[in-house]
Amino acid sequence: MPLGLLGKKLGHTRVYNAQGVLIPVTVVLAGPNRVMQVKTQAGKDGYNSVQLGFDDQKEQRLTKALLGHIKKHNSVAVKRIKEFRDFSKEVKAGETVGATLFAPGDFIDAIGTTKGRGFEGVMKRHNFAGGCATHGAKGWKRRPGAIGQRLFPGTVMKGMRMPGHMGQDTRTTQNLEVIQVREDDNLLLIKGSIPGAEGDYVVIRESKKRPKGWKPPVATAGKKKAAPAGKK
């Protein structure tokens, strides 16, 4: 995880790019992030990482263990702390980082918690078709149908899609493009949608599949290969 930030999903809007194309974006408050602790491989921790804190909090609302960790490193109370390993930017404890870690055109991965839907049936949770509405079917309109086998193995297979709790899962949306970086407000305008509801905390990290400097491959379809010398 070379670069990353803690942020808060604020909402959605649309902006125009330089070509006049209207692009739907998600607005993320991506800072300021406080550098709580810096770990090094040469130190007692044995690996390189940076702990970032986001969103100030009252001290009386923190656990004693977390408050002790914060005071040990001479930092301030925050609501969220996230550790990023192999952070590619050199920082020191006490510094702040923000949206300027990224630039327009960069690709990021957004990690968030999906909206909680409570207990849902198979039609909403797994997009089942449901039973027939006619032809003598009674009481089977939103049921899953048979879930087991006959003689062998005669049990319900592990992992069978069933009714249950829907949402509140950690999900990652990959390869989202940064459209705008508003340094004064610490805002990132990211193309598309990211997991979670408005006001939820999210993690914005550098894309694993499209890191900084990535360029789309050049299309070669339809081009003829050059003939060897002396042949036509």
Protein backbone atom coordinates (compact mmCIF):
# COMPACT_ATOMS: atom_id res chain seq x y z
CA MET A 1 0.00 0.00 0.00
CA PRO A 2 2.37 2.70 -1.21
CA LEU A 3 0.12 5.75 -0.66
CA GLY A 4 -3.13 6.11 1.21
CA LEU A 5 -5.46 8.40 3.12
CA LEU A 6 -8.36 8.21 5.51
CA GLY A 7 -11.39 10.15 4.36
CA LYS A 8 -15.11 10.70 4.63
CA LYS A 9 -17.62 10.27 1.84
CA LEU A 10 -19.56 13.53 1.53
CA GLY A 11 -21.85 12.93 -1.44
CA HIS A 12 -22.15 12.96 -5.21
CA THR A 13 -22.16 15.64 -7.88
CA ARG A 14 -21.15 16.23 -11.51
CA VAL A 15 -18.31 18.29 -12.98
CA TYR A 16 -17.10 19.17 -16.46
CA ASN A 17 -13.64 18.23 -17.65
CA ALA A 18 -11.42 20.23 -20.03
CA GLN A 19 -13.21 18.74 -23.05
CA GLY A 20 -16.63 19.78 -21.75
CA VAL A 21 -17.70 16.23 -20.87
CA LEU A 22 -19.97 15.90 -17.83
CA ILE A 23 -18.53 13.38 -15.35
CA PRO A 24 -20.34 11.98 -12.27
CA VAL A 25 -18.06 12.10 -9.23
CA THR A 26 -18.01 11.22 -5.54
CA VAL A 27 -16.76 13.94 -3.20
CA VAL A 28 -14.40 12.68 -0.48
CA LEU A 29 -13.00 14.74 2.38
CA ALA A 30 -9.44 13.38 2.39
CA GLY A 31 -7.71 15.25 5.16
CA PRO A 32 -6.03 16.54 7.00
CA ASN A 33 -4.54 13.22 8.08
CA ARG A 34 -2.20 13.41 11.07
CA VAL A 35 0.89 11.23 11.11
CA MET A 36 0.50 9.44 14.45
CA GLN A 37 3.47 7.07 14.29
CA VAL A 38 6.20 6.06 11.85
CA LYS A 39 7.53 2.48 12.04
CA THR A 40 10.76 1.37 10.39
CA GLN A 41 12.24 -1.98 9.55
CA ALA A 42 15.41 -1.05 11.39
CA GLY A 43 13.45 -0.31 14.56
CA LYS A 44 11.82 -2.63 17.06
CA ASP A 45 8.73 -3.08 14.87
CA GLY A 46 10.64 -4.77 12.04
CA TYR A 47 8.66 -3.31 9.15
CA ASN A 48 7.98 0.02 7.45
CA SER A 49 4.62 1.67 7.97
CA VAL A 50 2.88 4.95 8.75
CA GLN A 51 -0.09 5.38 11.08
CA LEU A 52 -2.50 8.10 10.00
CA GLY A 53 -5.28 9.60 12.12
CA PHE A 54 -8.35 11.41 10.83
CA ASP A 55 -11.20 13.46 12.32
CA ASP A 56 -10.59 14.99 15.77
CA GLN A 57 -12.32 13.46 18.78
CA LYS A 58 -12.82 14.28 22.46
CA GLU A 59 -10.41 12.43 24.73
CA GLN A 60 -13.13 11.23 27.10
CA ARG A 61 -14.71 9.26 24.25
CA LEU A 62 -11.61 7.12 23.63
CA THR A 63 -10.55 3.95 25.39
CA LYS A 64 -7.66 4.18 27.82
CA ALA A 65 -5.52 1.94 25.63
CA LEU A 66 -6.01 4.11 22.54
CA LEU A 67 -5.58 7.32 24.51
CA GLY A 68 -2.34 5.99 25.99
CA HIS A 69 -1.03 5.15 22.52
CA ILE A 70 -1.87 8.64 21.29
CA LYS A 71 -0.21 10.40 24.23
CA LYS A 72 2.87 8.18 23.95
CA HIS A 73 3.49 9.60 20.47
CA ASN A 74 2.55 13.19 21.43
CA SER A 75 -0.42 13.32 19.08
CA VAL A 76 -4.05 14.41 19.39
CA ALA A 77 -7.22 12.37 19.82
CA VAL A 78 -8.80 11.23 16.56
CA LYS A 79 -11.78 9.09 15.59
CA ARG A 80 -10.07 6.86 13.05
CA ILE A 81 -6.54 5.43 12.85
CA LYS A 82 -5.24 3.41 9.91
CA GLU A 83 -1.82 1.92 9.30
CA PHE A 84 -0.38 2.00 5.79
CA ARG A 85 2.57 -0.29 5.12
CA ASP A 86 5.46 0.70 2.84
CA PHE A 87 4.28 4.30 2.60
CA SER A 88 6.18 5.74 -0.37
CA LYS A 89 6.19 9.35 0.91
CA GLU A 90 8.67 10.26 3.63
CA VAL A 91 6.84 11.76 6.62
CA LYS A 92 7.52 12.39 10.28
CA ALA A 93 5.32 12.02 13.34
CA GLY A 94 3.28 15.16 13.92
CA GLU A 95 3.07 16.17 10.27
CA THR A 96 -0.15 16.31 8.28
CA VAL A 97 -0.91 15.00 4.81
CA GLY A 98 -3.94 15.58 2.67
CA ALA A 99 -5.53 15.37 -0.73
CA THR A 100 -2.37 16.57 -2.47
CA LEU A 101 -0.93 13.05 -2.17
CA PHE A 102 -2.92 12.40 -5.33
CA ALA A 103 -3.18 14.33 -8.59
CA PRO A 104 -5.83 14.51 -11.32
CA GLY A 105 -5.47 11.50 -13.57
CA ASP A 106 -4.25 9.16 -10.81
CA PHE A 107 -6.12 5.94 -10.16
CA ILE A 108 -7.17 4.87 -6.67
CA ASP A 109 -8.87 2.01 -4.84
CA ALA A 110 -11.68 2.99 -2.47
CA ILE A 111 -12.37 0.77 0.57
CA GLY A 112 -15.59 1.27 2.50
CA THR A 113 -18.44 -0.45 4.34
CA THR A 114 -21.58 -1.00 2.30
CA LYS A 115 -24.97 0.21 3.49
CA GLY A 116 -26.73 -2.08 5.95
CA ARG A 117 -30.04 -3.47 4.66
CA GLY A 118 -30.99 -5.64 7.61
CA PHE A 119 -32.54 -9.10 7.15
CA GLU A 120 -33.45 -9.66 3.50
CA GLY A 121 -34.87 -12.52 1.47
CA VAL A 122 -33.19 -14.27 -1.42
CA MET A 123 -34.83 -12.11 -4.09
CA LYS A 124 -33.34 -8.86 -2.81
CA ARG A 125 -30.15 -10.32 -1.34
CA HIS A 126 -29.16 -12.63 -4.20
CA ASN A 127 -31.41 -11.51 -7.07
CA PHE A 128 -33.41 -14.76 -7.20
CA ALA A 129 -36.31 -14.91 -9.63
CA GLY A 130 -38.80 -16.29 -7.12
CA GLY A 131 -41.58 -18.76 -7.77
CA CYS A 132 -44.40 -18.76 -10.30
CA ALA A 133 -47.29 -16.38 -9.75
CA THR A 134 -49.79 -18.68 -11.52
CA HIS A 135 -50.17 -22.32 -12.60
CA GLY A 136 -51.38 -23.42 -9.20
CA ALA A 137 -48.39 -22.09 -7.23
CA LYS A 138 -49.51 -20.94 -3.78
CA GLY A 139 -47.24 -19.17 -1.30
CA TRP A 140 -44.03 -19.54 -3.34
CA LYS A 141 -43.72 -16.12 -4.94
CA ARG A 142 -40.61 -14.98 -3.02
CA ARG A 143 -39.18 -18.27 -1.77
CA PRO A 144 -35.89 -19.86 -2.86
CA GLY A 145 -37.24 -23.30 -3.67
CA ALA A 146 -35.41 -26.58 -2.97
CA ILE A 147 -32.14 -26.20 -1.08
CA GLY A 148 -31.00 -29.81 -0.62
CA GLN A 149 -30.61 -33.09 -2.53
CA ARG A 150 -32.46 -36.40 -2.49
CA LEU A 151 -30.55 -39.52 -1.46
CA PHE A 152 -26.96 -38.27 -1.82
CA PRO A 153 -25.59 -36.39 0.00
CA GLY A 154 -28.99 -35.52 1.44
CA THR A 155 -27.79 -32.32 3.12
CA VAL A 156 -27.72 -28.61 2.43
CA MET A 157 -24.42 -27.76 0.76
CA LYS A 158 -22.11 -25.33 2.54
CA GLY A 159 -22.29 -21.82 1.12
CA MET A 160 -25.85 -22.15 -0.19
CA ARG A 161 -27.33 -18.72 -0.86
CA MET A 162 -30.01 -18.13 1.75
CA PRO A 163 -31.97 -15.27 3.37
CA GLY A 164 -29.99 -13.31 5.95
CA HIS A 165 -28.25 -10.09 6.87
CA MET A 166 -27.53 -7.94 3.82
CA GLY A 167 -24.90 -5.19 3.64
CA GLN A 168 -22.42 -3.83 6.19
CA ASP A 169 -19.58 -5.64 4.43
CA THR A 170 -16.15 -4.25 3.62
CA ARG A 171 -15.87 -3.78 -0.13
CA THR A 172 -13.15 -2.40 -2.40
CA THR A 173 -13.85 -0.58 -5.66
CA GLN A 174 -10.74 -0.59 -7.83
CA ASN A 175 -9.29 1.64 -10.54
CA LEU A 176 -11.29 4.82 -9.94
CA GLU A 177 -9.89 7.96 -11.55
CA VAL A 178 -9.22 11.16 -9.62
CA ILE A 179 -10.89 13.97 -11.57
CA GLN A 180 -10.09 16.96 -9.36
CA VAL A 181 -7.98 17.72 -6.29
CA ARG A 182 -9.11 20.76 -4.29
CA GLU A 183 -6.19 21.47 -2.00
CA ASP A 184 -7.77 24.33 -0.02
CA ASP A 185 -10.72 22.16 1.05
CA ASN A 186 -8.83 18.81 1.16
CA LEU A 187 -11.35 17.35 -1.27
CA LEU A 188 -10.94 14.59 -3.83
CA LEU A 189 -13.44 14.34 -6.67
CA ILE A 190 -13.38 10.71 -7.78
CA LYS A 191 -15.09 9.41 -10.90
CA GLY A 192 -17.91 6.98 -10.19
CA SER A 193 -19.23 5.66 -6.91
CA ILE A 194 -17.54 4.19 -3.84
CA PRO A 195 -18.95 1.88 -1.14
CA GLY A 196 -20.83 3.31 1.82
CA ALA A 197 -23.39 5.93 2.71
CA GLU A 198 -22.81 9.67 2.88
CA GLY A 199 -20.83 10.47 6.01
CA ASP A 200 -19.14 7.06 6.19
CA TYR A 201 -15.38 6.73 6.59
CA VAL A 202 -13.44 5.37 3.62
CA VAL A 203 -9.85 4.46 2.82
CA ILE A 204 -8.38 5.90 -0.36
CA ARG A 205 -5.23 4.11 -1.47
CA GLU A 206 -3.09 4.17 -4.58
CA SER A 207 -4.44 1.69 -7.14
CA LYS A 208 -2.68 -1.66 -7.02
CA LYS A 209 -3.41 -2.40 -10.67
CA ARG A 210 -2.86 1.14 -11.97
CA PRO A 211 -0.21 2.87 -9.82
CA LYS A 212 1.19 6.34 -10.46
CA GLY A 213 2.65 6.64 -13.95
CA TRP A 214 0.42 3.89 -15.35
CA LYS A 215 -0.61 4.33 -18.98
CA PRO A 216 -3.19 2.33 -20.93
CA PRO A 217 -1.67 -0.22 -23.30
CA VAL A 218 -1.38 0.78 -26.94
CA ALA A 219 -3.92 -1.03 -29.10
CA THR A 220 -2.26 -3.14 -31.80
CA ALA A 221 -5.34 -4.86 -33.21
CA GLY A 222 -5.70 -4.50 -36.97
CA LYS A 223 -2.08 -3.49 -37.60
CA LYS A 224 -0.02 -5.58 -40.00
CA LYS A 225 3.41 -6.77 -38.92
CA ALA A 226 6.35 -5.46 -40.93
CA ALA A 227 7.63 -7.99 -43.47
CA PRO A 228 11.24 -9.23 -43.00
CA ALA A 229 13.93 -7.68 -45.21
CA GLY A 230 14.03 -9.18 -48.69
CA LYS A 231 10.43 -10.40 -48.60
CA LYS A 232 7.25 -8.77 -49.87
